[in-house]
Amino acid sequence: MSTELQSRPAGLPHAVFLQRVADGPATSPDVRLGQGAFLALRFVDLLSPDREPPTPDVFRYQWAATERYCAELAGEGTEASHLSCIVRAAGEAHRTNDSRTLAPALFAYALYLEQESHLEEAEDALATMILVGGDRLSSTDAFSAWIRLGRVRRLQADFTGADAAYLQAKRIAAAAGDDASVLLSRIGQCNVLYFQGNLPEAERGWREILADAAPGGYRHAEALAHHGLGNLLGRRGGAHEGAPHLWRAYELYEDDGDQLRVLTDLGISLLSIGDVDGAERALNEVARRDPIGENRANCLIELMHCASFRRDRVGFERMREQSLSQLDGMAPNVRTDFYLKVGIGLARFGNFAKAETNLRHALEIATAHELHELVFRIERISGGLRACEALEQVHGAEAEPILKSDALREVSASLAAFSP
């Protein structure tokens, strides 16, 4: 087992699932599901290669007790089904003496937890998959677990742990001769650099990936690299260069969720050069195609930002209220972005006291999670808060869109084809 896997926190294994007790009464479904997850993963631990195998009687007793508890959760939704699958898979793994059969159930549960913004719990499920599977995991399952672990850690702003996970994923892919997966691991490392604020190294990495992906026909990796590079160029004040990269990523992506994410980022980029119409077309397309999904939080924040750009106070307040309803489930970088853009909007409407409060809150979150690039941006904006013209200049928004290139004009024309 690789030394790159961080050890679990001292104390009771899987105790992260018991933290739900603090969020509700002991009889609430969420608390009972957390207790069920704790029991199911403790049961899985019996199969870990670093411990003595349990006697048949001990295993049967814990299996029966865990299965009984999970059966009582039947009807509590998707999470209960995942837990039942894990318990069944553990029983089958013990019967066949093959812990690899646990991997699909644990990975599926980790994906569910990530989608529900239970990031610490998702990390625990992935770590359990890696530790229990050990060297018996297939290279495909091991790669999937490590690269997902990198993403989950990055979303928690654990950049050191994320980079270590991506590096381990790259080693596994390279050993298996899987060039496409090596590229995906490199993209993960570029994302870590980007969110840490090391933009020059992230740009160098993404351009190298583009040079390797396109000739090799690795369409998804090429799309991800265009996506990352487009966002980075926008952050560095080069949205005119970045927007065509984002549109190219949209064209290359085959997954609907990926397409919606890059459309949100394209909306941000176009707004920064003053193309509010183009930005709103992109964002409204996201809202139309994903009314309740994971892209909605970012989409609402950007539509709120468009409204403040237009000085539409009613639209701004409506989008702010809708964004607030999703605040608890936002990752740290998204929460930071929300408070930053609320602050900008309030300043545009002349409410500087509340604007300062929101920008200060954004800075606290960004600092606490080591989101360096966001820290720099918030500090620049805060420094010019009382001068509205300076604020607009710092944020990079122009009064009128200037479509400086044929590529940018092509992007605008393509967006115009979306349904109104």
Protein backbone atom coordinates (compact mmCIF):
# COMPACT_ATOMS: atom_id res chain seq x y z
CA MET A 1 0.00 0.00 0.00
CA SER A 2 1.37 3.40 -0.99
CA THR A 3 2.70 5.71 1.68
CA GLU A 4 0.93 8.56 -0.16
CA LEU A 5 -2.36 7.64 1.52
CA GLN A 6 -2.72 9.88 4.51
CA SER A 7 -3.47 8.00 7.70
CA ARG A 8 -6.94 8.32 9.13
CA PRO A 9 -7.44 10.80 11.93
CA ALA A 10 -6.63 9.49 15.39
CA GLY A 11 -9.61 8.09 17.21
CA LEU A 12 -12.53 5.95 16.17
CA PRO A 13 -12.40 4.85 12.50
CA HIS A 14 -15.20 6.31 10.37
CA ALA A 15 -16.24 8.66 13.18
CA VAL A 16 -16.84 11.34 10.54
CA PHE A 17 -20.21 9.68 9.86
CA LEU A 18 -21.21 10.10 13.49
CA GLN A 19 -20.79 13.87 13.24
CA ARG A 20 -24.26 13.99 11.73
CA VAL A 21 -25.59 13.51 15.28
CA ALA A 22 -24.74 17.14 15.96
CA ASP A 23 -26.95 18.26 13.08
CA GLY A 24 -30.24 16.70 14.14
CA PRO A 25 -32.13 14.52 16.60
CA ALA A 26 -31.04 10.90 17.03
CA THR A 27 -34.22 9.65 15.34
CA SER A 28 -33.81 11.74 12.17
CA PRO A 29 -33.18 9.79 8.93
CA ASP A 30 -29.88 11.57 8.25
CA VAL A 31 -28.48 10.70 11.69
CA ARG A 32 -29.62 7.08 11.43
CA LEU A 33 -28.08 6.83 7.95
CA GLY A 34 -24.81 8.19 9.34
CA GLN A 35 -24.86 5.53 12.04
CA GLY A 36 -25.62 2.91 9.40
CA ALA A 37 -22.65 4.07 7.33
CA PHE A 38 -20.41 3.89 10.40
CA LEU A 39 -21.51 0.30 11.07
CA ALA A 40 -21.23 -0.76 7.42
CA LEU A 41 -17.69 0.57 7.04
CA ARG A 42 -16.58 -0.92 10.36
CA PHE A 43 -17.89 -4.21 9.01
CA VAL A 44 -15.87 -3.73 5.81
CA ASP A 45 -12.77 -3.11 7.95
CA LEU A 46 -12.89 -6.77 9.02
CA LEU A 47 -11.56 -7.60 5.54
CA SER A 48 -8.61 -5.22 5.69
CA PRO A 49 -5.30 -6.98 4.83
CA ASP A 50 -3.49 -5.21 7.67
CA ARG A 51 -5.49 -6.99 10.40
CA GLU A 52 -6.00 -10.56 11.53
CA PRO A 53 -8.84 -12.29 9.65
CA PRO A 54 -11.95 -12.56 11.81
CA THR A 55 -13.14 -15.94 12.98
CA PRO A 56 -16.22 -17.22 11.13
CA ASP A 57 -18.41 -16.68 14.20
CA VAL A 58 -17.26 -13.08 14.70
CA PHE A 59 -17.79 -12.27 11.04
CA ARG A 60 -21.27 -13.84 10.95
CA TYR A 61 -22.30 -11.99 14.11
CA GLN A 62 -21.18 -8.57 12.84
CA TRP A 63 -22.66 -9.29 9.41
CA ALA A 64 -26.05 -10.14 10.89
CA ALA A 65 -26.06 -7.08 13.18
CA THR A 66 -25.05 -4.69 10.39
CA GLU A 67 -27.46 -6.19 7.88
CA ARG A 68 -30.30 -5.94 10.40
CA TYR A 69 -29.60 -2.25 11.07
CA CYS A 70 -29.40 -1.47 7.34
CA ALA A 71 -32.67 -3.33 6.75
CA GLU A 72 -34.33 -0.99 9.23
CA LEU A 73 -33.23 1.91 7.01
CA ALA A 74 -35.09 0.53 3.99
CA GLY A 75 -37.22 3.25 2.48
CA GLU A 76 -34.85 6.05 3.52
CA GLY A 77 -33.71 6.65 -0.04
CA THR A 78 -30.58 6.29 -2.13
CA GLU A 79 -28.06 6.27 0.71
CA ALA A 80 -29.77 3.35 2.44
CA SER A 81 -29.55 1.37 -0.81
CA HIS A 82 -25.83 2.11 -1.07
CA LEU A 83 -25.24 0.86 2.48
CA SER A 84 -27.13 -2.37 1.83
CA CYS A 85 -25.04 -2.93 -1.30
CA ILE A 86 -21.82 -2.43 0.67
CA VAL A 87 -22.88 -4.95 3.32
CA ARG A 88 -23.83 -7.54 0.68
CA ALA A 89 -20.56 -6.96 -1.18
CA ALA A 90 -18.57 -7.43 2.04
CA GLY A 91 -20.32 -10.73 2.69
CA GLU A 92 -19.56 -11.89 -0.85
CA ALA A 93 -15.93 -10.74 -0.56
CA HIS A 94 -15.52 -12.80 2.61
CA ARG A 95 -17.17 -15.85 1.04
CA THR A 96 -14.93 -15.76 -2.06
CA ASN A 97 -11.86 -14.40 -0.27
CA ASP A 98 -11.73 -11.63 -2.89
CA SER A 99 -11.98 -8.08 -1.53
CA ARG A 100 -11.94 -6.67 -5.07
CA THR A 101 -15.68 -7.27 -5.24
CA LEU A 102 -16.10 -4.47 -2.66
CA ALA A 103 -14.66 -1.77 -4.91
CA PRO A 104 -17.74 -0.96 -7.04
CA ALA A 105 -20.05 -0.58 -4.02
CA LEU A 106 -17.62 1.62 -2.07
CA PHE A 107 -16.82 3.77 -5.11
CA ALA A 108 -20.49 4.28 -5.94
CA TYR A 109 -21.16 5.30 -2.34
CA ALA A 110 -18.26 7.77 -2.41
CA LEU A 111 -19.64 9.36 -5.60
CA TYR A 112 -23.04 9.70 -3.97
CA LEU A 113 -21.53 11.35 -0.88
CA GLU A 114 -19.53 13.77 -3.03
CA GLN A 115 -22.64 14.75 -4.98
CA GLU A 116 -24.40 15.40 -1.67
CA SER A 117 -21.45 17.58 -0.54
CA HIS A 118 -20.48 15.15 2.25
CA LEU A 119 -16.85 15.54 1.23
CA GLU A 120 -15.15 14.26 4.39
CA GLU A 121 -17.36 11.21 4.30
CA ALA A 122 -16.60 10.64 0.60
CA GLU A 123 -12.89 10.79 1.42
CA ASP A 124 -13.40 8.19 4.15
CA ALA A 125 -15.24 5.83 1.78
CA LEU A 126 -12.49 6.15 -0.86
CA ALA A 127 -9.75 5.62 1.71
CA THR A 128 -11.57 2.49 2.90
CA MET A 129 -11.72 1.20 -0.68
CA ILE A 130 -7.97 1.74 -1.09
CA LEU A 131 -6.97 0.32 2.29
CA VAL A 132 -9.20 -2.75 2.20
CA GLY A 133 -8.54 -3.48 -1.47
CA GLY A 134 -4.81 -3.03 -1.05
CA ASP A 135 -2.60 -4.55 -3.74
CA ARG A 136 -5.49 -6.78 -4.80
CA LEU A 137 -7.34 -3.89 -6.47
CA SER A 138 -7.24 -3.87 -10.25
CA SER A 139 -5.24 -1.02 -11.75
CA THR A 140 -8.48 0.48 -13.09
CA ASP A 141 -10.18 0.48 -9.67
CA ALA A 142 -7.04 1.73 -7.91
CA PHE A 143 -6.65 4.58 -10.41
CA SER A 144 -10.32 5.54 -10.11
CA ALA A 145 -10.13 5.61 -6.31
CA TRP A 146 -6.96 7.70 -6.17
CA ILE A 147 -7.98 10.25 -8.78
CA ARG A 148 -11.38 10.70 -7.14
CA LEU A 149 -9.66 11.05 -3.78
CA GLY A 150 -7.60 13.85 -5.31
CA ARG A 151 -10.74 15.64 -6.43
CA VAL A 152 -12.50 15.25 -3.06
CA ARG A 153 -9.45 16.57 -1.21
CA ARG A 154 -9.14 19.50 -3.62
CA LEU A 155 -12.77 20.41 -3.05
CA GLN A 156 -11.95 20.54 0.66
CA ALA A 157 -8.94 22.77 -0.14
CA ASP A 158 -6.55 20.04 1.06
CA PHE A 159 -4.13 20.82 -1.73
CA THR A 160 -1.16 18.85 -0.40
CA GLY A 161 -3.27 15.73 0.01
CA ALA A 162 -4.91 16.26 -3.38
CA ASP A 163 -1.59 16.55 -5.19
CA ALA A 164 -0.33 13.39 -3.46
CA ALA A 165 -3.44 11.50 -4.58
CA TYR A 166 -3.13 12.70 -8.18
CA LEU A 167 0.55 11.74 -8.21
CA GLN A 168 -0.28 8.22 -7.01
CA ALA A 169 -3.01 7.95 -9.67
CA LYS A 170 -0.44 8.97 -12.30
CA ARG A 171 2.00 6.29 -11.08
CA ILE A 172 -0.68 3.60 -11.32
CA ALA A 173 -1.71 4.71 -14.83
CA ALA A 174 1.89 4.89 -16.05
CA ALA A 175 2.63 1.40 -14.71
CA ALA A 176 -0.42 0.10 -16.60
CA GLY A 177 0.61 1.90 -19.82
CA ASP A 178 -2.64 3.92 -19.77
CA ASP A 179 -1.68 7.21 -21.43
CA ALA A 180 -5.21 8.65 -21.27
CA SER A 181 -5.34 8.18 -17.50
CA VAL A 182 -1.87 9.69 -17.10
CA LEU A 183 -3.21 12.81 -18.82
CA LEU A 184 -6.20 12.93 -16.46
CA SER A 185 -3.86 12.75 -13.46
CA ARG A 186 -1.77 15.60 -14.84
CA ILE A 187 -4.95 17.64 -15.30
CA GLY A 188 -5.78 17.02 -11.65
CA GLN A 189 -2.37 18.36 -10.63
CA CYS A 190 -2.92 21.44 -12.81
CA ASN A 191 -6.23 22.04 -11.04
CA VAL A 192 -4.44 21.97 -7.68
CA LEU A 193 -1.92 24.56 -8.92
CA TYR A 194 -4.72 26.72 -10.29
CA PHE A 195 -6.75 26.77 -7.08
CA GLN A 196 -3.62 27.41 -5.04
CA GLY A 197 -3.01 30.50 -7.17
CA ASN A 198 0.10 29.25 -8.98
CA LEU A 199 -1.22 30.36 -12.36
CA PRO A 200 2.05 30.34 -14.36
CA GLU A 201 2.75 26.67 -13.52
CA ALA A 202 -0.89 25.71 -14.12
CA GLU A 203 -0.82 27.40 -17.54
CA ARG A 204 2.41 25.66 -18.49
CA GLY A 205 0.93 22.32 -17.44
CA TRP A 206 -2.32 22.75 -19.36
CA ARG A 207 -0.53 23.84 -22.54
CA GLU A 208 1.73 20.77 -22.32
CA ILE A 209 -1.34 18.55 -21.88
CA LEU A 210 -2.98 20.12 -24.95
CA ALA A 211 0.15 19.43 -26.96
CA ASP A 212 0.05 15.76 -25.90
CA ALA A 213 -3.72 15.16 -25.96
CA ALA A 214 -4.75 16.49 -29.37
CA PRO A 215 -2.30 14.43 -31.49
CA GLY A 216 -3.11 11.32 -29.48
CA GLY A 217 -6.84 11.69 -29.99
CA TYR A 218 -7.58 11.93 -26.27
CA ARG A 219 -10.74 13.98 -26.67
CA HIS A 220 -11.79 14.18 -23.01
CA ALA A 221 -8.34 15.19 -21.80
CA GLU A 222 -8.16 17.81 -24.55
CA ALA A 223 -11.54 19.20 -23.47
CA LEU A 224 -10.45 19.38 -19.83
CA ALA A 225 -7.22 21.15 -20.78
CA HIS A 226 -9.07 23.71 -22.93
CA HIS A 227 -11.48 24.21 -20.02
CA GLY A 228 -8.73 24.78 -17.49
CA LEU A 229 -6.69 27.02 -19.76
CA GLY A 230 -9.75 29.11 -20.67
CA ASN A 231 -10.55 29.73 -17.01
CA LEU A 232 -6.94 30.57 -16.22
CA LEU A 233 -6.60 33.09 -19.03
CA GLY A 234 -9.81 34.76 -17.84
CA ARG A 235 -8.45 35.01 -14.31
CA ARG A 236 -5.31 36.67 -15.65
CA GLY A 237 -7.32 39.32 -17.47
CA GLY A 238 -7.24 37.53 -20.82
CA ALA A 239 -10.90 36.56 -21.17
CA HIS A 240 -10.75 37.50 -24.88
CA GLU A 241 -8.23 34.67 -25.30
CA GLY A 242 -9.86 32.36 -22.77
CA ALA A 243 -13.46 32.35 -24.04
CA PRO A 244 -12.64 30.52 -27.32
CA HIS A 245 -10.86 27.82 -25.30
CA LEU A 246 -13.98 27.41 -23.16
CA TRP A 247 -16.21 27.14 -26.22
CA ARG A 248 -13.83 24.56 -27.73
CA ALA A 249 -14.13 22.56 -24.50
CA TYR A 250 -17.93 22.73 -24.81
CA GLU A 251 -17.68 21.32 -28.34
CA LEU A 252 -15.34 18.51 -27.25
CA TYR A 253 -17.19 17.43 -24.12
CA GLU A 254 -19.60 14.53 -24.60
CA ASP A 255 -21.06 14.48 -21.08
CA ASP A 256 -23.96 16.85 -20.43
CA GLY A 257 -22.72 17.75 -16.94
CA ASP A 258 -19.30 18.71 -18.30
CA GLN A 259 -20.93 20.86 -20.97
CA LEU A 260 -23.01 22.71 -18.39
CA ARG A 261 -20.01 23.37 -16.15
CA VAL A 262 -18.03 24.91 -18.99
CA LEU A 263 -21.02 27.00 -20.10
CA THR A 264 -21.14 28.49 -16.59
CA ASP A 265 -17.45 29.34 -16.84
CA LEU A 266 -17.98 30.78 -20.32
CA GLY A 267 -20.71 33.01 -18.92
CA ILE A 268 -18.25 34.30 -16.31
CA SER A 269 -15.63 34.97 -18.96
CA LEU A 270 -18.01 36.84 -21.28
CA LEU A 271 -19.35 38.96 -18.43
CA SER A 272 -15.81 40.03 -17.56
CA ILE A 273 -15.46 41.65 -21.02
CA GLY A 274 -18.89 43.25 -20.83
CA ASP A 275 -20.77 40.82 -23.09
CA VAL A 276 -23.73 40.53 -20.71
CA ASP A 277 -26.07 39.22 -23.41
CA GLY A 278 -23.70 36.39 -24.29
CA ALA A 279 -23.07 35.62 -20.62
CA GLU A 280 -26.78 35.41 -19.84
CA ARG A 281 -27.41 33.19 -22.88
CA ALA A 282 -24.80 30.73 -21.62
CA LEU A 283 -26.03 30.83 -18.02
CA ASN A 284 -29.70 30.59 -18.91
CA GLU A 285 -28.91 27.53 -21.02
CA VAL A 286 -27.40 25.95 -17.89
CA ALA A 287 -30.47 26.87 -15.84
CA ARG A 288 -32.75 25.44 -18.54
CA ARG A 289 -30.90 22.12 -18.82
CA ASP A 290 -30.00 21.65 -15.14
CA PRO A 291 -32.74 23.16 -12.92
CA ILE A 292 -31.78 21.22 -9.78
CA GLY A 293 -28.35 19.72 -10.41
CA GLU A 294 -24.85 20.41 -9.15
CA ASN A 295 -24.21 23.21 -11.66
CA ARG A 296 -27.09 25.28 -10.34
CA ALA A 297 -25.25 26.98 -7.47
CA ASN A 298 -22.55 28.42 -9.74
CA CYS A 299 -25.15 29.36 -12.34
CA LEU A 300 -27.25 31.31 -9.81
CA ILE A 301 -24.21 33.17 -8.50
CA GLU A 302 -23.25 34.25 -12.01
CA LEU A 303 -26.79 35.29 -12.94
CA MET A 304 -26.79 37.35 -9.73
CA HIS A 305 -23.55 38.93 -10.90
CA CYS A 306 -25.05 39.68 -14.32
CA ALA A 307 -28.01 41.38 -12.62
CA SER A 308 -25.74 43.63 -10.57
CA PHE A 309 -23.74 44.43 -13.71
CA ARG A 310 -26.98 45.63 -15.33
CA ARG A 311 -27.88 47.48 -12.08
CA ASP A 312 -30.99 45.31 -11.85
CA ARG A 313 -31.58 45.39 -8.09
CA VAL A 314 -34.69 43.20 -8.17
CA GLY A 315 -32.97 40.52 -10.23
CA PHE A 316 -29.89 40.70 -8.01
CA GLU A 317 -31.90 40.16 -4.82
CA ARG A 318 -33.90 37.32 -6.36
CA MET A 319 -30.77 35.45 -7.41
CA ARG A 320 -29.07 36.16 -4.09
CA GLU A 321 -31.98 34.57 -2.18
CA GLN A 322 -31.90 31.51 -4.43
CA SER A 323 -28.14 31.17 -3.97
CA LEU A 324 -28.45 31.46 -0.20
CA SER A 325 -30.73 28.43 -0.16
CA GLN A 326 -27.82 26.33 -1.49
CA LEU A 327 -25.05 27.87 0.58
CA ASP A 328 -24.58 24.96 3.00
CA GLY A 329 -23.78 22.55 0.19
CA MET A 330 -21.25 24.80 -1.56
CA ALA A 331 -17.55 23.95 -1.66
CA PRO A 332 -15.23 26.55 -0.04
CA ASN A 333 -14.24 28.17 -3.34
CA VAL A 334 -17.90 28.50 -4.39
CA ARG A 335 -18.91 29.99 -1.01
CA THR A 336 -16.05 32.46 -1.35
CA ASP A 337 -17.21 33.39 -4.85
CA PHE A 338 -20.77 33.91 -3.59
CA TYR A 339 -19.78 36.39 -0.88
CA LEU A 340 -17.32 38.11 -3.23
CA LYS A 341 -19.99 38.74 -5.86
CA VAL A 342 -22.60 39.74 -3.29
CA GLY A 343 -20.07 42.31 -2.08
CA ILE A 344 -19.42 43.58 -5.59
CA GLY A 345 -23.16 43.81 -6.28
CA LEU A 346 -23.92 45.69 -3.07
CA ALA A 347 -21.13 48.15 -3.88
CA ARG A 348 -22.62 48.71 -7.32
CA PHE A 349 -25.89 49.60 -5.62
CA GLY A 350 -24.08 51.98 -3.24
CA ASN A 351 -24.39 49.87 -0.06
CA PHE A 352 -20.71 49.99 0.86
CA ALA A 353 -21.03 48.95 4.52
CA LYS A 354 -22.71 45.65 3.66
CA ALA A 355 -20.40 45.21 0.68
CA GLU A 356 -17.38 45.43 2.99
CA THR A 357 -18.92 42.86 5.34
CA ASN A 358 -19.46 40.38 2.53
CA LEU A 359 -16.00 40.90 1.06
CA ARG A 360 -14.49 40.40 4.51
CA HIS A 361 -16.43 37.14 4.86
CA ALA A 362 -15.21 36.02 1.43
CA LEU A 363 -11.62 36.81 2.44
CA GLU A 364 -11.95 34.83 5.68
CA ILE A 365 -13.16 31.74 3.84
CA ALA A 366 -10.50 32.03 1.13
CA THR A 367 -7.74 32.54 3.69
CA ALA A 368 -8.90 29.67 5.90
CA HIS A 369 -8.87 27.28 2.93
CA GLU A 370 -5.66 28.62 1.35
CA LEU A 371 -7.42 29.75 -1.82
CA HIS A 372 -4.55 32.09 -2.66
CA GLU A 373 -5.73 33.32 -6.05
CA LEU A 374 -9.10 34.28 -4.57
CA VAL A 375 -7.38 35.98 -1.62
CA PHE A 376 -5.37 38.17 -4.02
CA ARG A 377 -8.46 39.05 -6.04
CA ILE A 378 -10.59 39.90 -3.01
CA GLU A 379 -7.86 42.09 -1.55
CA ARG A 380 -7.54 44.03 -4.81
CA ILE A 381 -11.28 44.58 -5.04
CA SER A 382 -11.58 45.54 -1.37
CA GLY A 383 -8.83 48.10 -1.82
CA GLY A 384 -10.86 49.97 -4.45
CA LEU A 385 -14.30 49.38 -2.99
CA ARG A 386 -15.29 53.02 -2.49
CA ALA A 387 -14.34 54.00 -6.00
CA CYS A 388 -16.93 52.38 -8.22
CA GLU A 389 -14.91 52.96 -11.38
CA ALA A 390 -11.88 51.34 -9.78
CA LEU A 391 -14.02 48.42 -8.66
CA GLU A 392 -15.22 47.78 -12.19
CA GLN A 393 -11.67 48.07 -13.49
CA VAL A 394 -10.29 45.68 -10.90
CA HIS A 395 -12.93 43.09 -11.74
CA GLY A 396 -12.20 43.46 -15.42
CA ALA A 397 -15.69 44.41 -16.64
CA GLU A 398 -16.01 46.83 -19.52
CA ALA A 399 -19.01 49.02 -20.26
CA GLU A 400 -19.45 47.60 -23.76
CA PRO A 401 -18.35 44.23 -25.09
CA ILE A 402 -15.39 44.40 -27.43
CA LEU A 403 -15.22 41.25 -29.55
CA LYS A 404 -11.60 41.54 -30.58
CA SER A 405 -11.17 38.38 -32.60
CA ASP A 406 -12.94 36.19 -35.12
CA ALA A 407 -12.85 33.36 -32.59
CA LEU A 408 -14.65 35.48 -30.00
CA ARG A 409 -17.24 36.63 -32.52
CA GLU A 410 -17.81 32.98 -33.42
CA VAL A 411 -18.44 32.15 -29.77
CA SER A 412 -21.00 34.94 -29.48
CA ALA A 413 -22.77 33.82 -32.66
CA SER A 414 -22.88 30.20 -31.45
CA LEU A 415 -24.44 31.23 -28.13
CA ALA A 416 -27.08 33.26 -29.99
CA ALA A 417 -28.36 29.96 -31.41
CA PHE A 418 -29.41 28.75 -27.94
CA SER A 419 -33.12 28.83 -27.11
CA PRO A 420 -34.10 32.14 -25.44
